[in-house]
Amino acid sequence: MDHTDSATARAIATPDPATRPVGAGAGETSTWLQAQGFDSAPVVDDDDRPVGYVTVETAQEANSDDLLEAVASPLTIEVLISGDASFETVLDALYERSFYYLGDRDRISGILTRADLNSESVYRHLFTHLSRLEHAFRACITEHAPDWRETTPGLKGDALDDIDQRREQAARANIELEPIHYAQFSTLKRIVANNEACWEACGFSAGHQAGSRLDKVVELRNDVAHSRPVIQNTNRGIGESGRTITELEETYNQMQELQERLAPMQ
């Protein structure tokens, strides 16, 4: 298996989630869920076998003394996800609903939430794809904008000095490459967005569109590189503060499309 597919649902999910017994009351369960910071929990019988699940909303809406046996929701296919589900499948699923369970009728082995997208396996997966995209941008620039130093508006000063300094250090170590190999990701983005042949090769219809879309990729790359949360808001809606599942999925899909378009150049 390709190591970039290691971010499966099983790798991302929180294992062995805490459970609630069928004999627990809705009121105490609501308090417990909120104290733990959980949106939901599996409900189990006296033999620790799952019989359903309860959410904060369900517990709050029920009478305080109602038992979970009566208010728990069934573990239907809609709330279950395969542990082998790919990262792409996980993103699609978590866009539709905020949590899923891994397991079967005898045991719940994990819970998958949007917050779990801040796990180490996701960082590794994203870092690999961002690195591939970085190589693809360099190949695109080399082919379509070899004179990028002269044709990229606003590319001067610190950015060029940084490239030259990195290249000089490499030359002293006898591992010198072409200057474009020493450009940082944000500089590559600027070059691509400001050279028509490059942004056309990437499938964009205009430079400003390329700049706007690629800004999101740069932001994600910076958060991954500095181990900052990639999911910053567990709501789904557009216009929320911080990166949501909606924006993460859109940015990831943009990265995948760019890699496919630029693959022939590498």
C-alpha atoms as a PDB file:
ATOM      1  CA  MET A   1       0.000   0.000   0.000  1.00  0.00           C
ATOM      2  CA  ASP A   2       1.211   3.517  -0.780  1.00  0.00           C
ATOM      3  CA  HIS A   3       2.297   5.142   2.478  1.00  0.00           C
ATOM      4  CA  THR A   4       0.260   8.232   1.570  1.00  0.00           C
ATOM      5  CA  ASP A   5      -2.881   6.115   2.069  1.00  0.00           C
ATOM      6  CA  SER A   6      -2.020   5.518   5.742  1.00  0.00           C
ATOM      7  CA  ALA A   7      -4.523   8.202   6.795  1.00  0.00           C
ATOM      8  CA  THR A   8      -7.431   5.768   6.838  1.00  0.00           C
ATOM      9  CA  ALA A   9     -10.447   6.162   9.083  1.00  0.00           C
ATOM     10  CA  ARG A  10      -8.875   3.670  11.511  1.00  0.00           C
ATOM     11  CA  ALA A  11      -5.624   5.647  11.704  1.00  0.00           C
ATOM     12  CA  ILE A  12      -7.424   8.961  12.192  1.00  0.00           C
ATOM     13  CA  ALA A  13     -10.188   7.928  14.610  1.00  0.00           C
ATOM     14  CA  THR A  14      -9.993   8.053  18.391  1.00  0.00           C
ATOM     15  CA  PRO A  15      -9.785   4.404  19.513  1.00  0.00           C
ATOM     16  CA  ASP A  16     -11.913   2.746  22.208  1.00  0.00           C
ATOM     17  CA  PRO A  17     -14.294   5.623  22.919  1.00  0.00           C
ATOM     18  CA  ALA A  18     -15.806   5.948  26.374  1.00  0.00           C
ATOM     19  CA  THR A  19     -19.289   4.410  26.628  1.00  0.00           C
ATOM     20  CA  ARG A  20     -22.473   4.875  28.626  1.00  0.00           C
ATOM     21  CA  PRO A  21     -24.567   2.035  30.108  1.00  0.00           C
ATOM     22  CA  VAL A  22     -28.157   1.539  28.981  1.00  0.00           C
ATOM     23  CA  GLY A  23     -29.280   2.083  32.583  1.00  0.00           C
ATOM     24  CA  ALA A  24     -27.825   5.600  32.805  1.00  0.00           C
ATOM     25  CA  GLY A  25     -30.221   8.525  32.897  1.00  0.00           C
ATOM     26  CA  ALA A  26     -30.439  11.133  30.147  1.00  0.00           C
ATOM     27  CA  GLY A  27     -29.812  13.996  32.571  1.00  0.00           C
ATOM     28  CA  GLU A  28     -26.621  12.593  34.059  1.00  0.00           C
ATOM     29  CA  THR A  29     -25.464  11.551  30.589  1.00  0.00           C
ATOM     30  CA  SER A  30     -25.964  15.077  29.255  1.00  0.00           C
ATOM     31  CA  THR A  31     -23.848  16.447  32.098  1.00  0.00           C
ATOM     32  CA  TRP A  32     -21.189  13.763  31.559  1.00  0.00           C
ATOM     33  CA  LEU A  33     -20.970  14.360  27.791  1.00  0.00           C
ATOM     34  CA  GLN A  34     -20.543  18.097  28.237  1.00  0.00           C
ATOM     35  CA  ALA A  35     -17.954  17.649  30.979  1.00  0.00           C
ATOM     36  CA  GLN A  36     -15.947  15.315  28.727  1.00  0.00           C
ATOM     37  CA  GLY A  37     -16.325  17.596  25.708  1.00  0.00           C
ATOM     38  CA  PHE A  38     -18.014  14.783  23.732  1.00  0.00           C
ATOM     39  CA  ASP A  39     -20.749  15.261  21.149  1.00  0.00           C
ATOM     40  CA  SER A  40     -21.815  11.624  21.407  1.00  0.00           C
ATOM     41  CA  ALA A  41     -20.983   8.274  22.996  1.00  0.00           C
ATOM     42  CA  PRO A  42     -21.849   4.613  22.365  1.00  0.00           C
ATOM     43  CA  VAL A  43     -24.459   3.053  24.630  1.00  0.00           C
ATOM     44  CA  VAL A  44     -23.701  -0.502  25.801  1.00  0.00           C
ATOM     45  CA  ASP A  45     -25.603  -3.262  27.584  1.00  0.00           C
ATOM     46  CA  ASP A  46     -24.527  -5.150  30.700  1.00  0.00           C
ATOM     47  CA  ASP A  47     -22.176  -7.305  28.583  1.00  0.00           C
ATOM     48  CA  ASP A  48     -20.500  -4.225  27.070  1.00  0.00           C
ATOM     49  CA  ARG A  49     -22.083  -4.844  23.682  1.00  0.00           C
ATOM     50  CA  PRO A  50     -23.155  -1.719  21.778  1.00  0.00           C
ATOM     51  CA  VAL A  51     -26.890  -1.165  21.515  1.00  0.00           C
ATOM     52  CA  GLY A  52     -26.828   2.359  20.079  1.00  0.00           C
ATOM     53  CA  TYR A  53     -25.444   5.813  20.722  1.00  0.00           C
ATOM     54  CA  VAL A  54     -26.504   9.014  22.416  1.00  0.00           C
ATOM     55  CA  THR A  55     -25.748  12.623  21.502  1.00  0.00           C
ATOM     56  CA  VAL A  56     -25.701  15.699  23.670  1.00  0.00           C
ATOM     57  CA  GLU A  57     -28.786  17.001  21.869  1.00  0.00           C
ATOM     58  CA  THR A  58     -30.728  13.762  22.407  1.00  0.00           C
ATOM     59  CA  ALA A  59     -29.822  13.654  26.095  1.00  0.00           C
ATOM     60  CA  GLN A  60     -30.786  17.287  26.601  1.00  0.00           C
ATOM     61  CA  GLU A  61     -34.125  16.924  24.821  1.00  0.00           C
ATOM     62  CA  ALA A  62     -35.159  13.825  26.809  1.00  0.00           C
ATOM     63  CA  ASN A  63     -36.613  13.891  30.307  1.00  0.00           C
ATOM     64  CA  SER A  64     -33.818  13.923  32.863  1.00  0.00           C
ATOM     65  CA  ASP A  65     -34.817  10.548  34.343  1.00  0.00           C
ATOM     66  CA  ASP A  66     -35.341   8.790  30.995  1.00  0.00           C
ATOM     67  CA  LEU A  67     -32.984   5.828  30.649  1.00  0.00           C
ATOM     68  CA  LEU A  68     -30.648   5.606  27.651  1.00  0.00           C
ATOM     69  CA  GLU A  69     -32.209   2.274  26.803  1.00  0.00           C
ATOM     70  CA  ALA A  70     -35.255   4.249  25.710  1.00  0.00           C
ATOM     71  CA  VAL A  71     -33.624   7.296  24.081  1.00  0.00           C
ATOM     72  CA  ALA A  72     -30.495   5.881  22.400  1.00  0.00           C
ATOM     73  CA  SER A  73     -30.338   5.999  18.590  1.00  0.00           C
ATOM     74  CA  PRO A  74     -29.564   2.761  16.709  1.00  0.00           C
ATOM     75  CA  LEU A  75     -26.145   2.124  15.167  1.00  0.00           C
ATOM     76  CA  THR A  76     -27.334   2.164  11.568  1.00  0.00           C
ATOM     77  CA  ILE A  77     -25.132   2.163   8.475  1.00  0.00           C
ATOM     78  CA  GLU A  78     -25.460   5.959   8.322  1.00  0.00           C
ATOM     79  CA  VAL A  79     -23.322   6.376  11.448  1.00  0.00           C
ATOM     80  CA  LEU A  80     -20.804   3.592  10.773  1.00  0.00           C
ATOM     81  CA  ILE A  81     -17.656   3.880   8.648  1.00  0.00           C
ATOM     82  CA  SER A  82     -15.154   1.249   7.584  1.00  0.00           C
ATOM     83  CA  GLY A  83     -11.770   1.430   9.263  1.00  0.00           C
ATOM     84  CA  ASP A  84     -10.216   1.026   5.800  1.00  0.00           C
ATOM     85  CA  ALA A  85     -11.981   4.086   4.387  1.00  0.00           C
ATOM     86  CA  SER A  86      -9.503   6.330   2.549  1.00  0.00           C
ATOM     87  CA  PHE A  87      -8.703   9.890   3.515  1.00  0.00           C
ATOM     88  CA  GLU A  88     -10.819  11.140   0.614  1.00  0.00           C
ATOM     89  CA  THR A  89     -13.764   9.052   1.835  1.00  0.00           C
ATOM     90  CA  VAL A  90     -13.263  10.345   5.367  1.00  0.00           C
ATOM     91  CA  LEU A  91     -13.377  13.966   4.181  1.00  0.00           C
ATOM     92  CA  ASP A  92     -16.567  13.341   2.202  1.00  0.00           C
ATOM     93  CA  ALA A  93     -18.175  11.531   5.122  1.00  0.00           C
ATOM     94  CA  LEU A  94     -17.272  14.159   7.720  1.00  0.00           C
ATOM     95  CA  TYR A  95     -18.650  16.855   5.455  1.00  0.00           C
ATOM     96  CA  GLU A  96     -22.029  15.113   5.618  1.00  0.00           C
ATOM     97  CA  ARG A  97     -22.087  14.540   9.387  1.00  0.00           C
ATOM     98  CA  SER A  98     -19.832  15.398  12.314  1.00  0.00           C
ATOM     99  CA  PHE A  99     -19.103  11.907  13.691  1.00  0.00           C
ATOM    100  CA  TYR A 100     -19.027   8.202  12.826  1.00  0.00           C
ATOM    101  CA  TYR A 101     -18.337   4.981  14.688  1.00  0.00           C
ATOM    102  CA  LEU A 102     -15.971   2.200  13.709  1.00  0.00           C
ATOM    103  CA  GLY A 103     -16.889  -1.345  14.690  1.00  0.00           C
ATOM    104  CA  ASP A 104     -19.691  -3.877  14.441  1.00  0.00           C
ATOM    105  CA  ARG A 105     -22.587  -5.286  16.433  1.00  0.00           C
ATOM    106  CA  ASP A 106     -20.255  -6.678  19.111  1.00  0.00           C
ATOM    107  CA  ARG A 107     -17.839  -3.815  19.683  1.00  0.00           C
ATOM    108  CA  ILE A 108     -17.253  -0.158  18.883  1.00  0.00           C
ATOM    109  CA  SER A 109     -13.534   0.197  18.225  1.00  0.00           C
ATOM    110  CA  GLY A 110     -13.350   3.913  17.503  1.00  0.00           C
ATOM    111  CA  ILE A 111     -15.105   7.198  16.949  1.00  0.00           C
ATOM    112  CA  LEU A 112     -14.270   9.501  14.053  1.00  0.00           C
ATOM    113  CA  THR A 113     -14.992  13.227  14.373  1.00  0.00           C
ATOM    114  CA  ARG A 114     -13.990  16.368  12.518  1.00  0.00           C
ATOM    115  CA  ALA A 115     -11.627  17.219  15.371  1.00  0.00           C
ATOM    116  CA  ASP A 116      -9.757  13.953  14.669  1.00  0.00           C
ATOM    117  CA  LEU A 117      -8.551  15.509  11.403  1.00  0.00           C
ATOM    118  CA  ASN A 118      -5.930  17.219  13.548  1.00  0.00           C
ATOM    119  CA  SER A 119      -4.283  13.844  14.171  1.00  0.00           C
ATOM    120  CA  GLU A 120      -0.671  13.001  13.335  1.00  0.00           C
ATOM    121  CA  SER A 121      -1.615  10.622  10.515  1.00  0.00           C
ATOM    122  CA  VAL A 122      -3.479  13.433   8.739  1.00  0.00           C
ATOM    123  CA  TYR A 123      -0.487  15.775   9.085  1.00  0.00           C
ATOM    124  CA  ARG A 124       1.791  13.140   7.544  1.00  0.00           C
ATOM    125  CA  HIS A 125      -0.662  12.532   4.698  1.00  0.00           C
ATOM    126  CA  LEU A 126      -1.080  16.218   3.922  1.00  0.00           C
ATOM    127  CA  PHE A 127       2.659  16.905   4.193  1.00  0.00           C
ATOM    128  CA  THR A 128       3.405  14.209   1.605  1.00  0.00           C
ATOM    129  CA  HIS A 129       0.886  15.614  -0.862  1.00  0.00           C
ATOM    130  CA  LEU A 130       2.021  19.188  -0.283  1.00  0.00           C
ATOM    131  CA  SER A 131       5.619  18.130  -0.935  1.00  0.00           C
ATOM    132  CA  ARG A 132       4.563  16.474  -4.178  1.00  0.00           C
ATOM    133  CA  LEU A 133       2.718  19.624  -5.183  1.00  0.00           C
ATOM    134  CA  GLU A 134       5.797  21.712  -4.409  1.00  0.00           C
ATOM    135  CA  HIS A 135       7.854  19.552  -6.786  1.00  0.00           C
ATOM    136  CA  ALA A 136       5.098  19.850  -9.396  1.00  0.00           C
ATOM    137  CA  PHE A 137       5.101  23.658  -9.159  1.00  0.00           C
ATOM    138  CA  ARG A 138       8.877  23.742  -9.693  1.00  0.00           C
ATOM    139  CA  ALA A 139       8.564  21.520 -12.764  1.00  0.00           C
ATOM    140  CA  CYS A 140       5.749  23.697 -14.122  1.00  0.00           C
ATOM    141  CA  ILE A 141       7.768  26.882 -13.632  1.00  0.00           C
ATOM    142  CA  THR A 142      10.866  25.352 -15.212  1.00  0.00           C
ATOM    143  CA  GLU A 143       8.878  24.375 -18.293  1.00  0.00           C
ATOM    144  CA  HIS A 144       6.535  27.342 -18.691  1.00  0.00           C
ATOM    145  CA  ALA A 145       8.305  30.286 -17.050  1.00  0.00           C
ATOM    146  CA  PRO A 146      12.078  29.744 -17.188  1.00  0.00           C
ATOM    147  CA  ASP A 147      12.594  33.517 -16.964  1.00  0.00           C
ATOM    148  CA  TRP A 148      10.478  33.752 -13.779  1.00  0.00           C
ATOM    149  CA  ARG A 149      12.924  36.106 -12.061  1.00  0.00           C
ATOM    150  CA  GLU A 150      12.201  38.801 -14.638  1.00  0.00           C
ATOM    151  CA  THR A 151       8.531  38.066 -15.408  1.00  0.00           C
ATOM    152  CA  THR A 152       7.019  37.763 -11.920  1.00  0.00           C
ATOM    153  CA  PRO A 153       5.654  41.098 -10.626  1.00  0.00           C
ATOM    154  CA  GLY A 154       6.593  41.893  -7.044  1.00  0.00           C
ATOM    155  CA  LEU A 155       9.220  39.172  -6.837  1.00  0.00           C
ATOM    156  CA  LYS A 156      12.219  41.039  -5.543  1.00  0.00           C
ATOM    157  CA  GLY A 157      14.135  41.934  -2.424  1.00  0.00           C
ATOM    158  CA  ASP A 158      13.943  39.423   0.408  1.00  0.00           C
ATOM    159  CA  ALA A 159      12.436  36.597  -1.677  1.00  0.00           C
ATOM    160  CA  LEU A 160      15.215  36.677  -4.283  1.00  0.00           C
ATOM    161  CA  ASP A 161      17.895  37.279  -1.653  1.00  0.00           C
ATOM    162  CA  ASP A 162      16.685  34.208   0.226  1.00  0.00           C
ATOM    163  CA  ILE A 163      16.865  32.096  -2.945  1.00  0.00           C
ATOM    164  CA  ASP A 164      20.371  33.321  -3.726  1.00  0.00           C
ATOM    165  CA  GLN A 165      21.590  32.710  -0.185  1.00  0.00           C
ATOM    166  CA  ARG A 166      20.217  29.168  -0.164  1.00  0.00           C
ATOM    167  CA  ARG A 167      21.842  28.455  -3.519  1.00  0.00           C
ATOM    168  CA  GLU A 168      25.183  29.836  -2.382  1.00  0.00           C
ATOM    169  CA  GLN A 169      25.100  27.586   0.688  1.00  0.00           C
ATOM    170  CA  ALA A 170      24.339  24.584  -1.546  1.00  0.00           C
ATOM    171  CA  ALA A 171      27.180  25.550  -3.908  1.00  0.00           C
ATOM    172  CA  ARG A 172      29.638  25.580  -1.019  1.00  0.00           C
ATOM    173  CA  ALA A 173      28.470  22.043  -0.187  1.00  0.00           C
ATOM    174  CA  ASN A 174      28.797  20.957  -3.853  1.00  0.00           C
ATOM    175  CA  ILE A 175      25.053  20.196  -4.167  1.00  0.00           C
ATOM    176  CA  GLU A 176      23.997  23.236  -6.164  1.00  0.00           C
ATOM    177  CA  LEU A 177      20.749  23.040  -8.149  1.00  0.00           C
ATOM    178  CA  GLU A 178      18.839  25.500 -10.333  1.00  0.00           C
ATOM    179  CA  PRO A 179      17.626  28.627  -8.467  1.00  0.00           C
ATOM    180  CA  ILE A 180      13.951  27.580  -8.562  1.00  0.00           C
ATOM    181  CA  HIS A 181      14.776  24.681  -6.207  1.00  0.00           C
ATOM    182  CA  TYR A 182      15.529  27.186  -3.445  1.00  0.00           C
ATOM    183  CA  ALA A 183      12.262  29.098  -3.699  1.00  0.00           C
ATOM    184  CA  GLN A 184       9.901  28.652  -0.777  1.00  0.00           C
ATOM    185  CA  PHE A 185       6.344  27.416  -1.279  1.00  0.00           C
ATOM    186  CA  SER A 186       4.818  30.895  -1.029  1.00  0.00           C
ATOM    187  CA  THR A 187       7.268  32.151  -3.666  1.00  0.00           C
ATOM    188  CA  LEU A 188       6.393  29.279  -5.985  1.00  0.00           C
ATOM    189  CA  LYS A 189       2.739  30.193  -5.563  1.00  0.00           C
ATOM    190  CA  ARG A 190       3.470  33.825  -6.496  1.00  0.00           C
ATOM    191  CA  ILE A 191       5.360  32.765  -9.624  1.00  0.00           C
ATOM    192  CA  VAL A 192       2.622  30.377 -10.761  1.00  0.00           C
ATOM    193  CA  ALA A 193      -0.161  32.912 -10.151  1.00  0.00           C
ATOM    194  CA  ASN A 194       1.668  35.670 -12.046  1.00  0.00           C
ATOM    195  CA  ASN A 195       2.781  33.789 -15.158  1.00  0.00           C
ATOM    196  CA  GLU A 196      -0.009  33.036 -17.603  1.00  0.00           C
ATOM    197  CA  ALA A 197       1.508  29.871 -19.022  1.00  0.00           C
ATOM    198  CA  CYS A 198       1.836  28.484 -15.495  1.00  0.00           C
ATOM    199  CA  TRP A 199      -1.653  29.234 -14.237  1.00  0.00           C
ATOM    200  CA  GLU A 200      -3.141  27.969 -17.485  1.00  0.00           C
ATOM    201  CA  ALA A 201      -1.193  24.716 -17.086  1.00  0.00           C
ATOM    202  CA  CYS A 202      -2.713  24.453 -13.597  1.00  0.00           C
ATOM    203  CA  GLY A 203      -6.220  24.756 -15.040  1.00  0.00           C
ATOM    204  CA  PHE A 204      -7.026  28.270 -13.847  1.00  0.00           C
ATOM    205  CA  SER A 205      -8.845  30.770 -16.054  1.00  0.00           C
ATOM    206  CA  ALA A 206      -7.094  33.869 -14.683  1.00  0.00           C
ATOM    207  CA  GLY A 207      -4.148  34.866 -12.552  1.00  0.00           C
ATOM    208  CA  HIS A 208      -6.320  36.330  -9.793  1.00  0.00           C
ATOM    209  CA  GLN A 209      -8.253  33.069  -9.590  1.00  0.00           C
ATOM    210  CA  ALA A 210      -4.995  31.148  -9.283  1.00  0.00           C
ATOM    211  CA  GLY A 211      -3.782  33.527  -6.582  1.00  0.00           C
ATOM    212  CA  SER A 212      -6.964  33.216  -4.530  1.00  0.00           C
ATOM    213  CA  ARG A 213      -7.164  29.413  -4.757  1.00  0.00           C
ATOM    214  CA  LEU A 214      -3.470  28.901  -4.120  1.00  0.00           C
ATOM    215  CA  ASP A 215      -3.537  31.210  -1.092  1.00  0.00           C
ATOM    216  CA  LYS A 216      -5.654  28.535   0.622  1.00  0.00           C
ATOM    217  CA  VAL A 217      -3.079  25.883  -0.246  1.00  0.00           C
ATOM    218  CA  VAL A 218      -0.261  28.051   1.144  1.00  0.00           C
ATOM    219  CA  GLU A 219      -2.222  28.626   4.362  1.00  0.00           C
ATOM    220  CA  LEU A 220      -2.783  24.882   4.776  1.00  0.00           C
ATOM    221  CA  ARG A 221       0.866  24.160   4.016  1.00  0.00           C
ATOM    222  CA  ASN A 222       1.986  26.650   6.671  1.00  0.00           C
ATOM    223  CA  ASP A 223      -0.329  25.133   9.283  1.00  0.00           C
ATOM    224  CA  VAL A 224       0.890  21.616   8.498  1.00  0.00           C
ATOM    225  CA  ALA A 225       4.538  22.702   8.544  1.00  0.00           C
ATOM    226  CA  HIS A 226       4.137  24.386  11.928  1.00  0.00           C
ATOM    227  CA  SER A 227       1.836  21.739  13.450  1.00  0.00           C
ATOM    228  CA  ARG A 228      -1.074  24.135  13.788  1.00  0.00           C
ATOM    229  CA  PRO A 229      -4.640  22.760  13.610  1.00  0.00           C
ATOM    230  CA  VAL A 230      -5.833  21.976  10.091  1.00  0.00           C
ATOM    231  CA  ILE A 231      -9.417  21.919  11.367  1.00  0.00           C
ATOM    232  CA  GLN A 232      -9.975  25.116  13.317  1.00  0.00           C
ATOM    233  CA  ASN A 233     -13.768  25.063  13.494  1.00  0.00           C
ATOM    234  CA  THR A 234     -15.824  21.857  13.688  1.00  0.00           C
ATOM    235  CA  ASN A 235     -18.872  23.487  12.141  1.00  0.00           C
ATOM    236  CA  ARG A 236     -19.432  22.915   8.435  1.00  0.00           C
ATOM    237  CA  GLY A 237     -20.658  26.217   7.090  1.00  0.00           C
ATOM    238  CA  ILE A 238     -18.854  28.551   4.714  1.00  0.00           C
ATOM    239  CA  GLY A 239     -17.997  31.892   6.298  1.00  0.00           C
ATOM    240  CA  GLU A 240     -17.237  30.409   9.712  1.00  0.00           C
ATOM    241  CA  SER A 241     -14.184  31.676  11.562  1.00  0.00           C
ATOM    242  CA  GLY A 242     -11.209  29.352  11.040  1.00  0.00           C
ATOM    243  CA  ARG A 243     -10.808  26.452   8.604  1.00  0.00           C
ATOM    244  CA  THR A 244     -13.846  24.150   8.532  1.00  0.00           C
ATOM    245  CA  ILE A 245     -14.315  20.705   7.008  1.00  0.00           C
ATOM    246  CA  THR A 246     -15.784  22.480   3.968  1.00  0.00           C
ATOM    247  CA  GLU A 247     -12.652  24.533   3.340  1.00  0.00           C
ATOM    248  CA  LEU A 248     -10.295  21.640   4.102  1.00  0.00           C
ATOM    249  CA  GLU A 249     -12.055  19.386   1.611  1.00  0.00           C
ATOM    250  CA  GLU A 250     -12.080  22.103  -1.071  1.00  0.00           C
ATOM    251  CA  THR A 251      -8.365  22.816  -0.559  1.00  0.00           C
ATOM    252  CA  TYR A 252      -7.436  19.134  -0.554  1.00  0.00           C
ATOM    253  CA  ASN A 253      -9.427  18.510  -3.745  1.00  0.00           C
ATOM    254  CA  GLN A 254      -7.658  21.503  -5.337  1.00  0.00           C
ATOM    255  CA  MET A 255      -4.300  19.979  -4.405  1.00  0.00           C
ATOM    256  CA  GLN A 256      -5.277  16.636  -5.936  1.00  0.00           C
ATOM    257  CA  GLU A 257      -6.458  18.275  -9.160  1.00  0.00           C
ATOM    258  CA  LEU A 258      -3.236  20.284  -9.447  1.00  0.00           C
ATOM    259  CA  GLN A 259      -1.101  17.175  -8.961  1.00  0.00           C
ATOM    260  CA  GLU A 260      -3.005  15.342 -11.688  1.00  0.00           C
ATOM    261  CA  ARG A 261      -2.706  18.239 -14.139  1.00  0.00           C
ATOM    262  CA  LEU A 262       0.989  18.793 -13.505  1.00  0.00           C
ATOM    263  CA  ALA A 263       2.001  15.123 -13.307  1.00  0.00           C
ATOM    264  CA  PRO A 264       3.139  14.921 -16.985  1.00  0.00           C
ATOM    265  CA  MET A 265       5.736  17.645 -16.327  1.00  0.00           C
ATOM    266  CA  GLN A 266       7.516  15.742 -13.553  1.00  0.00           C
END
